[in-house]
Amino acid sequence: MPQTATAHRFAAPYPAPADLPEPLPEPARDELRLEVVMAALSDPLRMGVVRTLLLESAAYDHPCGWFGIDRPKSSLTHHFRALRDAGLIRQRQYGLERRSHVRIDDLQTRFPGLLDLIVDWTPPE
């Protein structure tokens, strides 16, 4: 099956290590709902998180602190949980921290072109 420009552009360059922790609970690919995804993306902070992951580091899991967002930890937990519950990101527990990455293949399959729109979005100043 041919890849779209976004899938090719953001595909992980290296295979995932075999010793990765299991992902935290998330909806399966066929359970992803457009209205839930769009609701999660309606917050500019959350859309910015997804955009940053796509543009700067689609292939790696990153902790919340990597983003440099000046918000209380409880607020960040809420935002990342909303993204995970919507199926936009996958999170894994590494000791005391949760690390995230975008579910590129699942989102490209369910909603072709969505990731291109996120990347082309200009964050508010």
PDB file of N, CA and C in Angstrom:
ATOM      1  N   MET A   1       0.849  -1.178   0.000  1.00  0.00           N
ATOM      2  CA  MET A   1       0.000   0.000   0.000  1.00  0.00           C
ATOM      3  C   MET A   1       0.894   1.240   0.000  1.00  0.00           C
ATOM      4  N   PRO A   2       0.682   2.184  -0.912  1.00  0.00           N
ATOM      5  CA  PRO A   2       1.523   3.369  -0.956  1.00  0.00           C
ATOM      6  C   PRO A   2       1.283   4.252   0.262  1.00  0.00           C
ATOM      7  N   GLN A   3       2.360   4.886   0.724  1.00  0.00           N
ATOM      8  CA  GLN A   3       2.238   5.785   1.860  1.00  0.00           C
ATOM      9  C   GLN A   3       1.882   7.174   1.368  1.00  0.00           C
ATOM     10  N   THR A   4       1.139   7.909   2.199  1.00  0.00           N
ATOM     11  CA  THR A   4       0.867   9.299   1.878  1.00  0.00           C
ATOM     12  C   THR A   4       2.110  10.107   2.193  1.00  0.00           C
ATOM     13  N   ALA A   5       2.120  11.344   1.757  1.00  0.00           N
ATOM     14  CA  ALA A   5       3.277  12.196   2.015  1.00  0.00           C
ATOM     15  C   ALA A   5       3.536  12.331   3.507  1.00  0.00           C
ATOM     16  N   THR A   6       2.484  12.487   4.301  1.00  0.00           N
ATOM     17  CA  THR A   6       2.667  12.652   5.738  1.00  0.00           C
ATOM     18  C   THR A   6       3.187  11.383   6.374  1.00  0.00           C
ATOM     19  N   ALA A   7       2.633  10.235   6.018  1.00  0.00           N
ATOM     20  CA  ALA A   7       3.086   8.983   6.622  1.00  0.00           C
ATOM     21  C   ALA A   7       4.571   8.790   6.334  1.00  0.00           C
ATOM     22  N   HIS A   8       4.988   9.065   5.115  1.00  0.00           N
ATOM     23  CA  HIS A   8       6.404   8.929   4.771  1.00  0.00           C
ATOM     24  C   HIS A   8       7.234   9.974   5.515  1.00  0.00           C
ATOM     25  N   ARG A   9       6.738  11.166   5.579  1.00  0.00           N
ATOM     26  CA  ARG A   9       7.447  12.283   6.186  1.00  0.00           C
ATOM     27  C   ARG A   9       7.686  12.076   7.678  1.00  0.00           C
ATOM     28  N   PHE A  10       6.730  11.447   8.361  1.00  0.00           N
ATOM     29  CA  PHE A  10       6.811  11.318   9.805  1.00  0.00           C
ATOM     30  C   PHE A  10       7.056   9.897  10.277  1.00  0.00           C
ATOM     31  N   ALA A  11       7.267   8.969   9.379  1.00  0.00           N
ATOM     32  CA  ALA A  11       7.473   7.582   9.797  1.00  0.00           C
ATOM     33  C   ALA A  11       8.754   7.471  10.620  1.00  0.00           C
ATOM     34  N   ALA A  12       8.714   6.636  11.635  1.00  0.00           N
ATOM     35  CA  ALA A  12       9.887   6.430  12.487  1.00  0.00           C
ATOM     36  C   ALA A  12      11.018   5.825  11.659  1.00  0.00           C
ATOM     37  N   PRO A  13      12.221   6.398  11.720  1.00  0.00           N
ATOM     38  CA  PRO A  13      13.313   5.894  10.899  1.00  0.00           C
ATOM     39  C   PRO A  13      13.919   4.593  11.417  1.00  0.00           C
ATOM     40  N   TYR A  14      13.674   4.263  12.667  1.00  0.00           N
ATOM     41  CA  TYR A  14      14.261   3.068  13.257  1.00  0.00           C
ATOM     42  C   TYR A  14      13.156   2.182  13.817  1.00  0.00           C
ATOM     43  N   PRO A  15      13.355   0.859  13.799  1.00  0.00           N
ATOM     44  CA  PRO A  15      12.356  -0.015  14.414  1.00  0.00           C
ATOM     45  C   PRO A  15      12.319   0.209  15.925  1.00  0.00           C
ATOM     46  N   ALA A  16      11.149   0.008  16.513  1.00  0.00           N
ATOM     47  CA  ALA A  16      11.003   0.182  17.959  1.00  0.00           C
ATOM     48  C   ALA A  16      11.792  -0.895  18.692  1.00  0.00           C
ATOM     49  N   PRO A  17      12.474  -0.527  19.773  1.00  0.00           N
ATOM     50  CA  PRO A  17      13.195  -1.531  20.558  1.00  0.00           C
ATOM     51  C   PRO A  17      12.234  -2.569  21.133  1.00  0.00           C
ATOM     52  N   ALA A  18      12.713  -3.781  21.302  1.00  0.00           N
ATOM     53  CA  ALA A  18      11.872  -4.870  21.802  1.00  0.00           C
ATOM     54  C   ALA A  18      11.521  -4.703  23.273  1.00  0.00           C
ATOM     55  N   ASP A  19      12.299  -3.937  24.023  1.00  0.00           N
ATOM     56  CA  ASP A  19      12.087  -3.827  25.464  1.00  0.00           C
ATOM     57  C   ASP A  19      11.270  -2.602  25.882  1.00  0.00           C
ATOM     58  N   LEU A  20      10.483  -2.031  24.968  1.00  0.00           N
ATOM     59  CA  LEU A  20       9.645  -0.883  25.311  1.00  0.00           C
ATOM     60  C   LEU A  20       8.594  -1.276  26.343  1.00  0.00           C
ATOM     61  N   PRO A  21       8.288  -0.371  27.286  1.00  0.00           N
ATOM     62  CA  PRO A  21       7.162  -0.644  28.187  1.00  0.00           C
ATOM     63  C   PRO A  21       5.860  -0.701  27.385  1.00  0.00           C
ATOM     64  N   GLU A  22       4.889  -1.405  27.906  1.00  0.00           N
ATOM     65  CA  GLU A  22       3.580  -1.477  27.253  1.00  0.00           C
ATOM     66  C   GLU A  22       2.942  -0.091  27.230  1.00  0.00           C
ATOM     67  N   PRO A  23       2.184   0.239  26.182  1.00  0.00           N
ATOM     68  CA  PRO A  23       1.483   1.526  26.160  1.00  0.00           C
ATOM     69  C   PRO A  23       0.407   1.577  27.245  1.00  0.00           C
ATOM     70  N   LEU A  24       0.135   2.780  27.716  1.00  0.00           N
ATOM     71  CA  LEU A  24      -0.980   2.984  28.637  1.00  0.00           C
ATOM     72  C   LEU A  24      -2.279   2.757  27.867  1.00  0.00           C
ATOM     73  N   PRO A  25      -3.394   2.550  28.564  1.00  0.00           N
ATOM     74  CA  PRO A  25      -4.666   2.295  27.863  1.00  0.00           C
ATOM     75  C   PRO A  25      -4.992   3.402  26.857  1.00  0.00           C
ATOM     76  N   GLU A  26      -5.453   2.975  25.685  1.00  0.00           N
ATOM     77  CA  GLU A  26      -5.781   3.895  24.590  1.00  0.00           C
ATOM     78  C   GLU A  26      -6.814   3.221  23.701  1.00  0.00           C
ATOM     79  N   PRO A  27      -7.561   4.006  22.923  1.00  0.00           N
ATOM     80  CA  PRO A  27      -8.510   3.378  21.997  1.00  0.00           C
ATOM     81  C   PRO A  27      -7.775   2.653  20.868  1.00  0.00           C
ATOM     82  N   ALA A  28      -8.344   1.550  20.429  1.00  0.00           N
ATOM     83  CA  ALA A  28      -7.797   0.828  19.280  1.00  0.00           C
ATOM     84  C   ALA A  28      -7.997   1.666  18.020  1.00  0.00           C
ATOM     85  N   ARG A  29      -7.240   1.363  16.982  1.00  0.00           N
ATOM     86  CA  ARG A  29      -7.326   2.127  15.733  1.00  0.00           C
ATOM     87  C   ARG A  29      -8.763   2.246  15.235  1.00  0.00           C
ATOM     88  N   ASP A  30      -9.496   1.137  15.210  1.00  0.00           N
ATOM     89  CA  ASP A  30     -10.864   1.184  14.676  1.00  0.00           C
ATOM     90  C   ASP A  30     -11.854   1.847  15.627  1.00  0.00           C
ATOM     91  N   GLU A  31     -11.433   2.189  16.833  1.00  0.00           N
ATOM     92  CA  GLU A  31     -12.289   2.896  17.787  1.00  0.00           C
ATOM     93  C   GLU A  31     -12.065   4.408  17.764  1.00  0.00           C
ATOM     94  N   LEU A  32     -11.098   4.889  16.991  1.00  0.00           N
ATOM     95  CA  LEU A  32     -10.837   6.326  16.927  1.00  0.00           C
ATOM     96  C   LEU A  32     -12.028   7.029  16.292  1.00  0.00           C
ATOM     97  N   ARG A  33     -12.504   8.078  16.948  1.00  0.00           N
ATOM     98  CA  ARG A  33     -13.684   8.819  16.486  1.00  0.00           C
ATOM     99  C   ARG A  33     -13.264  10.241  16.124  1.00  0.00           C
ATOM    100  N   LEU A  34     -13.666  10.692  14.951  1.00  0.00           N
ATOM    101  CA  LEU A  34     -13.266  12.012  14.482  1.00  0.00           C
ATOM    102  C   LEU A  34     -13.698  13.111  15.444  1.00  0.00           C
ATOM    103  N   GLU A  35     -14.925  13.033  15.963  1.00  0.00           N
ATOM    104  CA  GLU A  35     -15.397  14.103  16.849  1.00  0.00           C
ATOM    105  C   GLU A  35     -14.587  14.164  18.147  1.00  0.00           C
ATOM    106  N   VAL A  36     -14.111  13.019  18.623  1.00  0.00           N
ATOM    107  CA  VAL A  36     -13.293  12.990  19.839  1.00  0.00           C
ATOM    108  C   VAL A  36     -11.897  13.547  19.546  1.00  0.00           C
ATOM    109  N   VAL A  37     -11.339  13.162  18.414  1.00  0.00           N
ATOM    110  CA  VAL A  37     -10.030  13.677  18.000  1.00  0.00           C
ATOM    111  C   VAL A  37     -10.097  15.193  17.823  1.00  0.00           C
ATOM    112  N   MET A  38     -11.131  15.675  17.149  1.00  0.00           N
ATOM    113  CA  MET A  38     -11.257  17.117  16.914  1.00  0.00           C
ATOM    114  C   MET A  38     -11.481  17.875  18.218  1.00  0.00           C
ATOM    115  N   ALA A  39     -12.231  17.291  19.145  1.00  0.00           N
ATOM    116  CA  ALA A  39     -12.442  17.938  20.446  1.00  0.00           C
ATOM    117  C   ALA A  39     -11.112  18.082  21.187  1.00  0.00           C
ATOM    118  N   ALA A  40     -10.288  17.043  21.148  1.00  0.00           N
ATOM    119  CA  ALA A  40      -8.979  17.120  21.809  1.00  0.00           C
ATOM    120  C   ALA A  40      -8.098  18.174  21.146  1.00  0.00           C
ATOM    121  N   LEU A  41      -8.175  18.281  19.831  1.00  0.00           N
ATOM    122  CA  LEU A  41      -7.351  19.248  19.101  1.00  0.00           C
ATOM    123  C   LEU A  41      -7.893  20.671  19.168  1.00  0.00           C
ATOM    124  N   SER A  42      -9.088  20.856  19.707  1.00  0.00           N
ATOM    125  CA  SER A  42      -9.670  22.201  19.771  1.00  0.00           C
ATOM    126  C   SER A  42      -8.931  23.102  20.758  1.00  0.00           C
ATOM    127  N   ASP A  43      -8.158  22.528  21.644  1.00  0.00           N
ATOM    128  CA  ASP A  43      -7.347  23.319  22.568  1.00  0.00           C
ATOM    129  C   ASP A  43      -5.994  23.600  21.911  1.00  0.00           C
ATOM    130  N   PRO A  44      -5.618  24.872  21.765  1.00  0.00           N
ATOM    131  CA  PRO A  44      -4.355  25.198  21.092  1.00  0.00           C
ATOM    132  C   PRO A  44      -3.119  24.577  21.752  1.00  0.00           C
ATOM    133  N   LEU A  45      -3.124  24.428  23.065  1.00  0.00           N
ATOM    134  CA  LEU A  45      -1.978  23.811  23.729  1.00  0.00           C
ATOM    135  C   LEU A  45      -1.823  22.368  23.270  1.00  0.00           C
ATOM    136  N   ARG A  46      -2.937  21.634  23.214  1.00  0.00           N
ATOM    137  CA  ARG A  46      -2.877  20.233  22.800  1.00  0.00           C
ATOM    138  C   ARG A  46      -2.495  20.108  21.329  1.00  0.00           C
ATOM    139  N   MET A  47      -3.058  20.960  20.489  1.00  0.00           N
ATOM    140  CA  MET A  47      -2.682  20.906  19.078  1.00  0.00           C
ATOM    141  C   MET A  47      -1.197  21.229  18.932  1.00  0.00           C
ATOM    142  N   GLY A  48      -0.701  22.158  19.738  1.00  0.00           N
ATOM    143  CA  GLY A  48       0.717  22.492  19.701  1.00  0.00           C
ATOM    144  C   GLY A  48       1.608  21.329  20.113  1.00  0.00           C
ATOM    145  N   VAL A  49       1.166  20.553  21.092  1.00  0.00           N
ATOM    146  CA  VAL A  49       1.927  19.375  21.520  1.00  0.00           C
ATOM    147  C   VAL A  49       2.042  18.385  20.366  1.00  0.00           C
ATOM    148  N   VAL A  50       0.922  18.095  19.723  1.00  0.00           N
ATOM    149  CA  VAL A  50       0.932  17.140  18.607  1.00  0.00           C
ATOM    150  C   VAL A  50       1.798  17.677  17.470  1.00  0.00           C
ATOM    151  N   ARG A  51       1.653  18.944  17.152  1.00  0.00           N
ATOM    152  CA  ARG A  51       2.429  19.561  16.071  1.00  0.00           C
ATOM    153  C   ARG A  51       3.930  19.506  16.375  1.00  0.00           C
ATOM    154  N   THR A  52       4.296  19.829  17.609  1.00  0.00           N
ATOM    155  CA  THR A  52       5.705  19.786  18.000  1.00  0.00           C
ATOM    156  C   THR A  52       6.272  18.381  17.865  1.00  0.00           C
ATOM    157  N   LEU A  53       5.520  17.393  18.319  1.00  0.00           N
ATOM    158  CA  LEU A  53       5.984  16.012  18.179  1.00  0.00           C
ATOM    159  C   LEU A  53       6.173  15.637  16.714  1.00  0.00           C
ATOM    160  N   LEU A  54       5.249  16.041  15.867  1.00  0.00           N
ATOM    161  CA  LEU A  54       5.354  15.710  14.445  1.00  0.00           C
ATOM    162  C   LEU A  54       6.540  16.403  13.779  1.00  0.00           C
ATOM    163  N   LEU A  55       6.732  17.675  14.091  1.00  0.00           N
ATOM    164  CA  LEU A  55       7.779  18.446  13.425  1.00  0.00           C
ATOM    165  C   LEU A  55       9.179  18.173  13.959  1.00  0.00           C
ATOM    166  N   GLU A  56       9.290  17.926  15.248  1.00  0.00           N
ATOM    167  CA  GLU A  56      10.612  17.871  15.850  1.00  0.00           C
ATOM    168  C   GLU A  56      11.060  16.491  16.290  1.00  0.00           C
ATOM    169  N   SER A  57      10.115  15.575  16.464  1.00  0.00           N
ATOM    170  CA  SER A  57      10.556  14.311  17.040  1.00  0.00           C
ATOM    171  C   SER A  57       9.506  13.226  16.931  1.00  0.00           C
ATOM    172  N   ALA A  58       9.070  12.909  15.754  1.00  0.00           N
ATOM    173  CA  ALA A  58       8.013  11.913  15.589  1.00  0.00           C
ATOM    174  C   ALA A  58       8.452  10.509  15.972  1.00  0.00           C
ATOM    175  N   ALA A  59       9.738  10.235  15.969  1.00  0.00           N
ATOM    176  CA  ALA A  59      10.213   8.863  16.146  1.00  0.00           C
ATOM    177  C   ALA A  59      10.523   8.474  17.586  1.00  0.00           C
ATOM    178  N   TYR A  60      10.421   9.399  18.535  1.00  0.00           N
ATOM    179  CA  TYR A  60      10.846   9.104  19.899  1.00  0.00           C
ATOM    180  C   TYR A  60       9.755   9.441  20.904  1.00  0.00           C
ATOM    181  N   ASP A  61       9.779   8.746  22.032  1.00  0.00           N
ATOM    182  CA  ASP A  61       8.887   9.064  23.142  1.00  0.00           C
ATOM    183  C   ASP A  61       9.506  10.214  23.938  1.00  0.00           C
ATOM    184  N   HIS A  62       8.688  11.214  24.279  1.00  0.00           N
ATOM    185  CA  HIS A  62       9.199  12.365  25.030  1.00  0.00           C
ATOM    186  C   HIS A  62       8.374  12.611  26.281  1.00  0.00           C
ATOM    187  N   PRO A  63       9.039  12.998  27.391  1.00  0.00           N
ATOM    188  CA  PRO A  63       8.318  13.332  28.620  1.00  0.00           C
ATOM    189  C   PRO A  63       7.664  14.704  28.495  1.00  0.00           C
ATOM    190  N   CYS A  64       6.702  14.965  29.361  1.00  0.00           N
ATOM    191  CA  CYS A  64       5.992  16.255  29.336  1.00  0.00           C
ATOM    192  C   CYS A  64       6.950  17.438  29.448  1.00  0.00           C
ATOM    193  N   GLY A  65       8.006  17.297  30.246  1.00  0.00           N
ATOM    194  CA  GLY A  65       8.947  18.392  30.444  1.00  0.00           C
ATOM    195  C   GLY A  65       9.720  18.778  29.198  1.00  0.00           C
ATOM    196  N   TRP A  66       9.817  17.885  28.220  1.00  0.00           N
ATOM    197  CA  TRP A  66      10.543  18.163  26.984  1.00  0.00           C
ATOM    198  C   TRP A  66       9.932  19.334  26.220  1.00  0.00           C
ATOM    199  N   PHE A  67       8.636  19.559  26.387  1.00  0.00           N
ATOM    200  CA  PHE A  67       7.929  20.580  25.617  1.00  0.00           C
ATOM    201  C   PHE A  67       8.163  21.984  26.150  1.00  0.00           C
ATOM    202  N   GLY A  68       8.618  22.116  27.389  1.00  0.00           N
ATOM    203  CA  GLY A  68       8.864  23.434  27.961  1.00  0.00           C
ATOM    204  C   GLY A  68       7.601  24.248  28.180  1.00  0.00           C
ATOM    205  N   ILE A  69       6.495  23.589  28.464  1.00  0.00           N
ATOM    206  CA  ILE A  69       5.221  24.279  28.680  1.00  0.00           C
ATOM    207  C   ILE A  69       5.148  24.721  30.133  1.00  0.00           C
ATOM    208  N   ASP A  70       4.921  26.014  30.346  1.00  0.00           N
ATOM    209  CA  ASP A  70       4.869  26.571  31.697  1.00  0.00           C
ATOM    210  C   ASP A  70       3.448  26.462  32.256  1.00  0.00           C
ATOM    211  N   ARG A  71       3.115  25.277  32.707  1.00  0.00           N
ATOM    212  CA  ARG A  71       1.808  25.001  33.309  1.00  0.00           C
ATOM    213  C   ARG A  71       2.025  24.075  34.495  1.00  0.00           C
ATOM    214  N   PRO A  72       1.093  24.072  35.449  1.00  0.00           N
ATOM    215  CA  PRO A  72       1.212  23.120  36.560  1.00  0.00           C
ATOM    216  C   PRO A  72       1.191  21.678  36.048  1.00  0.00           C
ATOM    217  N   LYS A  73       1.862  20.808  36.785  1.00  0.00           N
ATOM    218  CA  LYS A  73       1.934  19.400  36.391  1.00  0.00           C
ATOM    219  C   LYS A  73       0.543  18.796  36.230  1.00  0.00           C
ATOM    220  N   SER A  74      -0.393  19.159  37.110  1.00  0.00           N
ATOM    221  CA  SER A  74      -1.752  18.608  37.018  1.00  0.00           C
ATOM    222  C   SER A  74      -2.441  19.040  35.727  1.00  0.00           C
ATOM    223  N   SER A  75      -2.172  20.255  35.280  1.00  0.00           N
ATOM    224  CA  SER A  75      -2.750  20.745  34.028  1.00  0.00           C
ATOM    225  C   SER A  75      -2.170  19.983  32.835  1.00  0.00           C
ATOM    226  N   LEU A  76      -0.860  19.772  32.850  1.00  0.00           N
ATOM    227  CA  LEU A  76      -0.233  19.018  31.761  1.00  0.00           C
ATOM    228  C   LEU A  76      -0.737  17.585  31.730  1.00  0.00           C
ATOM    229  N   THR A  77      -0.898  16.987  32.905  1.00  0.00           N
ATOM    230  CA  THR A  77      -1.436  15.629  32.978  1.00  0.00           C
ATOM    231  C   THR A  77      -2.805  15.567  32.322  1.00  0.00           C
ATOM    232  N   HIS A  78      -3.637  16.560  32.595  1.00  0.00           N
ATOM    233  CA  HIS A  78      -4.978  16.622  31.994  1.00  0.00           C
ATOM    234  C   HIS A  78      -4.890  16.698  30.467  1.00  0.00           C
ATOM    235  N   HIS A  79      -4.036  17.568  29.956  1.00  0.00           N
ATOM    236  CA  HIS A  79      -3.932  17.749  28.505  1.00  0.00           C
ATOM    237  C   HIS A  79      -3.392  16.497  27.812  1.00  0.00           C
ATOM    238  N   PHE A  80      -2.365  15.893  28.373  1.00  0.00           N
ATOM    239  CA  PHE A  80      -1.810  14.687  27.763  1.00  0.00           C
ATOM    240  C   PHE A  80      -2.790  13.523  27.849  1.00  0.00           C
ATOM    241  N   ARG A  81      -3.551  13.456  28.925  1.00  0.00           N
ATOM    242  CA  ARG A  81      -4.563  12.397  29.041  1.00  0.00           C
ATOM    243  C   ARG A  81      -5.643  12.587  27.975  1.00  0.00           C
ATOM    244  N   ALA A  82      -6.060  13.837  27.735  1.00  0.00           N
ATOM    245  CA  ALA A  82      -7.062  14.107  26.698  1.00  0.00           C
ATOM    246  C   ALA A  82      -6.549  13.661  25.328  1.00  0.00           C
ATOM    247  N   LEU A  83      -5.279  13.911  25.049  1.00  0.00           N
ATOM    248  CA  LEU A  83      -4.699  13.485  23.770  1.00  0.00           C
ATOM    249  C   LEU A  83      -4.634  11.968  23.668  1.00  0.00           C
ATOM    250  N   ARG A  84      -4.263  11.308  24.764  1.00  0.00           N
ATOM    251  CA  ARG A  84      -4.193   9.839  24.758  1.00  0.00           C
ATOM    252  C   ARG A  84      -5.584   9.227  24.650  1.00  0.00           C
ATOM    253  N   ASP A  85      -6.545   9.744  25.412  1.00  0.00           N
ATOM    254  CA  ASP A  85      -7.907   9.205  25.369  1.00  0.00           C
ATOM    255  C   ASP A  85      -8.548   9.374  23.994  1.00  0.00           C
ATOM    256  N   ALA A  86      -8.155  10.430  23.279  1.00  0.00           N
ATOM    257  CA  ALA A  86      -8.676  10.655  21.929  1.00  0.00           C
ATOM    258  C   ALA A  86      -7.974   9.769  20.901  1.00  0.00           C
ATOM    259  N   GLY A  87      -6.842   9.197  21.275  1.00  0.00           N
ATOM    260  CA  GLY A  87      -6.099   8.340  20.358  1.00  0.00           C
ATOM    261  C   GLY A  87      -5.048   9.068  19.544  1.00  0.00           C
ATOM    262  N   LEU A  88      -4.753  10.307  19.899  1.00  0.00           N
ATOM    263  CA  LEU A  88      -3.758  11.079  19.154  1.00  0.00           C
ATOM    264  C   LEU A  88      -2.323  10.711  19.518  1.00  0.00           C
ATOM    265  N   ILE A  89      -2.098  10.411  20.781  1.00  0.00           N
ATOM    266  CA  ILE A  89      -0.750  10.051  21.211  1.00  0.00           C
ATOM    267  C   ILE A  89      -0.771   8.699  21.907  1.00  0.00           C
ATOM    268  N   ARG A  90       0.378   8.073  21.913  1.00  0.00           N
ATOM    269  CA  ARG A  90       0.599   6.841  22.685  1.00  0.00           C
ATOM    270  C   ARG A  90       1.545   7.224  23.816  1.00  0.00           C
ATOM    271  N   GLN A  91       1.220   6.787  25.022  1.00  0.00           N
ATOM    272  CA  GLN A  91       2.077   7.059  26.172  1.00  0.00           C
ATOM    273  C   GLN A  91       2.560   5.756  26.784  1.00  0.00           C
ATOM    274  N   ARG A  92       3.791   5.800  27.249  1.00  0.00           N
ATOM    275  CA  ARG A  92       4.390   4.666  27.957  1.00  0.00           C
ATOM    276  C   ARG A  92       4.960   5.188  29.274  1.00  0.00           C
ATOM    277  N   GLN A  93       4.891   4.346  30.285  1.00  0.00           N
ATOM    278  CA  GLN A  93       5.418   4.692  31.603  1.00  0.00           C
ATOM    279  C   GLN A  93       6.868   4.232  31.692  1.00  0.00           C
ATOM    280  N   TYR A  94       7.778   5.185  31.894  1.00  0.00           N
ATOM    281  CA  TYR A  94       9.198   4.901  32.086  1.00  0.00           C
ATOM    282  C   TYR A  94       9.532   5.323  33.515  1.00  0.00           C
ATOM    283  N   GLY A  95       9.510   4.395  34.439  1.00  0.00           N
ATOM    284  CA  GLY A  95       9.750   4.748  35.834  1.00  0.00           C
ATOM    285  C   GLY A  95       8.658   5.680  36.324  1.00  0.00           C
ATOM    286  N   LEU A  96       9.038   6.897  36.734  1.00  0.00           N
ATOM    287  CA  LEU A  96       8.062   7.859  37.252  1.00  0.00           C
ATOM    288  C   LEU A  96       7.508   8.799  36.186  1.00  0.00           C
ATOM    289  N   GLU A  97       8.006   8.727  34.966  1.00  0.00           N
ATOM    290  CA  GLU A  97       7.524   9.660  33.946  1.00  0.00           C
ATOM    291  C   GLU A  97       6.817   8.936  32.809  1.00  0.00           C
ATOM    292  N   ARG A  98       5.881   9.664  32.213  1.00  0.00           N
ATOM    293  CA  ARG A  98       5.190   9.166  31.028  1.00  0.00           C
ATOM    294  C   ARG A  98       5.768   9.880  29.818  1.00  0.00           C
ATOM    295  N   ARG A  99       6.041   9.104  28.793  1.00  0.00           N
ATOM    296  CA  ARG A  99       6.580   9.669  27.555  1.00  0.00           C
ATOM    297  C   ARG A  99       5.588   9.415  26.429  1.00  0.00           C
ATOM    298  N   SER A 100       5.562  10.336  25.491  1.00  0.00           N
ATOM    299  CA  SER A 100       4.526  10.333  24.456  1.00  0.00           C
ATOM    300  C   SER A 100       5.105  10.408  23.058  1.00  0.00           C
ATOM    301  N   HIS A 101       4.341   9.874  22.106  1.00  0.00           N
ATOM    302  CA  HIS A 101       4.594  10.112  20.685  1.00  0.00           C
ATOM    303  C   HIS A 101       3.256  10.015  19.940  1.00  0.00           C
ATOM    304  N   VAL A 102       3.212  10.591  18.758  1.00  0.00           N
ATOM    305  CA  VAL A 102       1.987  10.613  17.953  1.00  0.00           C
ATOM    306  C   VAL A 102       1.753   9.236  17.331  1.00  0.00           C
ATOM    307  N   ARG A 103       0.510   8.809  17.294  1.00  0.00           N
ATOM    308  CA  ARG A 103       0.131   7.531  16.674  1.00  0.00           C
ATOM    309  C   ARG A 103      -0.046   7.753  15.163  1.00  0.00           C
ATOM    310  N   ILE A 104       1.046   7.982  14.489  1.00  0.00           N
ATOM    311  CA  ILE A 104       1.034   8.387  13.084  1.00  0.00           C
ATOM    312  C   ILE A 104       0.305   7.383  12.195  1.00  0.00           C
ATOM    313  N   ASP A 105       0.687   6.126  12.239  1.00  0.00           N
ATOM    314  CA  ASP A 105       0.076   5.132  11.347  1.00  0.00           C
ATOM    315  C   ASP A 105      -1.428   5.016  11.578  1.00  0.00           C
ATOM    316  N   ASP A 106      -1.841   4.984  12.843  1.00  0.00           N
ATOM    317  CA  ASP A 106      -3.269   4.859  13.149  1.00  0.00           C
ATOM    318  C   ASP A 106      -4.051   6.072  12.656  1.00  0.00           C
ATOM    319  N   LEU A 107      -3.514   7.261  12.875  1.00  0.00           N
ATOM    320  CA  LEU A 107      -4.218   8.480  12.464  1.00  0.00           C
ATOM    321  C   LEU A 107      -4.249   8.625  10.947  1.00  0.00           C
ATOM    322  N   GLN A 108      -3.157   8.264  10.280  1.00  0.00           N
ATOM    323  CA  GLN A 108      -3.142   8.332   8.817  1.00  0.00           C
ATOM    324  C   GLN A 108      -4.142   7.348   8.211  1.00  0.00           C
ATOM    325  N   THR A 109      -4.279   6.193   8.833  1.00  0.00           N
ATOM    326  CA  THR A 109      -5.219   5.195   8.328  1.00  0.00           C
ATOM    327  C   THR A 109      -6.658   5.648   8.527  1.00  0.00           C
ATOM    328  N   ARG A 110      -6.973   6.136   9.711  1.00  0.00           N
ATOM    329  CA  ARG A 110      -8.353   6.524  10.033  1.00  0.00           C
ATOM    330  C   ARG A 110      -8.741   7.873   9.428  1.00  0.00           C
ATOM    331  N   PHE A 111      -7.821   8.839   9.459  1.00  0.00           N
ATOM    332  CA  PHE A 111      -8.142  10.208   9.042  1.00  0.00           C
ATOM    333  C   PHE A 111      -7.042  10.760   8.131  1.00  0.00           C
ATOM    334  N   PRO A 112      -6.970  10.268   6.882  1.00  0.00           N
ATOM    335  CA  PRO A 112      -5.915  10.729   5.974  1.00  0.00           C
ATOM    336  C   PRO A 112      -5.935  12.252   5.822  1.00  0.00           C
ATOM    337  N   GLY A 113      -4.771  12.855   5.904  1.00  0.00           N
ATOM    338  CA  GLY A 113      -4.641  14.297   5.736  1.00  0.00           C
ATOM    339  C   GLY A 113      -4.706  15.091   7.031  1.00  0.00           C
ATOM    340  N   LEU A 114      -5.189  14.496   8.107  1.00  0.00           N
ATOM    341  CA  LEU A 114      -5.312  15.222   9.373  1.00  0.00           C
ATOM    342  C   LEU A 114      -3.952  15.712   9.870  1.00  0.00           C
ATOM    343  N   LEU A 115      -2.952  14.872   9.805  1.00  0.00           N
ATOM    344  CA  LEU A 115      -1.634  15.271  10.308  1.00  0.00           C
ATOM    345  C   LEU A 115      -1.034  16.401   9.475  1.00  0.00           C
ATOM    346  N   ASP A 116      -1.310  16.417   8.180  1.00  0.00           N
ATOM    347  CA  ASP A 116      -0.856  17.536   7.340  1.00  0.00           C
ATOM    348  C   ASP A 116      -1.482  18.846   7.806  1.00  0.00           C
ATOM    349  N   LEU A 117      -2.764  18.803   8.149  1.00  0.00           N
ATOM    350  CA  LEU A 117      -3.445  20.006   8.636  1.00  0.00           C
ATOM    351  C   LEU A 117      -2.830  20.496   9.940  1.00  0.00           C
ATOM    352  N   ILE A 118      -2.498  19.570  10.824  1.00  0.00           N
ATOM    353  CA  ILE A 118      -1.890  19.947  12.104  1.00  0.00           C
ATOM    354  C   ILE A 118      -0.525  20.586  11.878  1.00  0.00           C
ATOM    355  N   VAL A 119       0.280  19.999  11.013  1.00  0.00           N
ATOM    356  CA  VAL A 119       1.612  20.542  10.731  1.00  0.00           C
ATOM    357  C   VAL A 119       1.507  21.918  10.080  1.00  0.00           C
ATOM    358  N   ASP A 120       0.531  22.124   9.216  1.00  0.00           N
ATOM    359  CA  ASP A 120       0.375  23.404   8.521  1.00  0.00           C
ATOM    360  C   ASP A 120      -0.267  24.486   9.381  1.00  0.00           C
ATOM    361  N   TRP A 121      -0.799  24.119  10.535  1.00  0.00           N
ATOM    362  CA  TRP A 121      -1.454  25.056  11.451  1.00  0.00           C
ATOM    363  C   TRP A 121      -0.438  26.036  12.021  1.00  0.00           C
ATOM    364  N   THR A 122      -0.823  27.284  12.142  1.00  0.00           N
ATOM    365  CA  THR A 122       0.027  28.300  12.758  1.00  0.00           C
ATOM    366  C   THR A 122      -0.480  28.563  14.168  1.00  0.00           C
ATOM    367  N   PRO A 123       0.329  28.261  15.183  1.00  0.00           N
ATOM    368  CA  PRO A 123      -0.115  28.482  16.569  1.00  0.00           C
ATOM    369  C   PRO A 123      -0.364  29.958  16.850  1.00  0.00           C
ATOM    370  N   PRO A 124      -1.344  30.254  17.727  1.00  0.00           N
ATOM    371  CA  PRO A 124      -1.576  31.652  18.105  1.00  0.00           C
ATOM    372  C   PRO A 124      -0.399  32.178  18.923  1.00  0.00           C
ATOM    373  N   GLU A 125      -0.185  33.455  18.844  1.00  0.00           N
ATOM    374  CA  GLU A 125       0.939  34.042  19.603  1.00  0.00           C
ATOM    375  C   GLU A 125       0.492  34.561  20.931  1.00  0.00           C
TER     376      GLU A 125
END
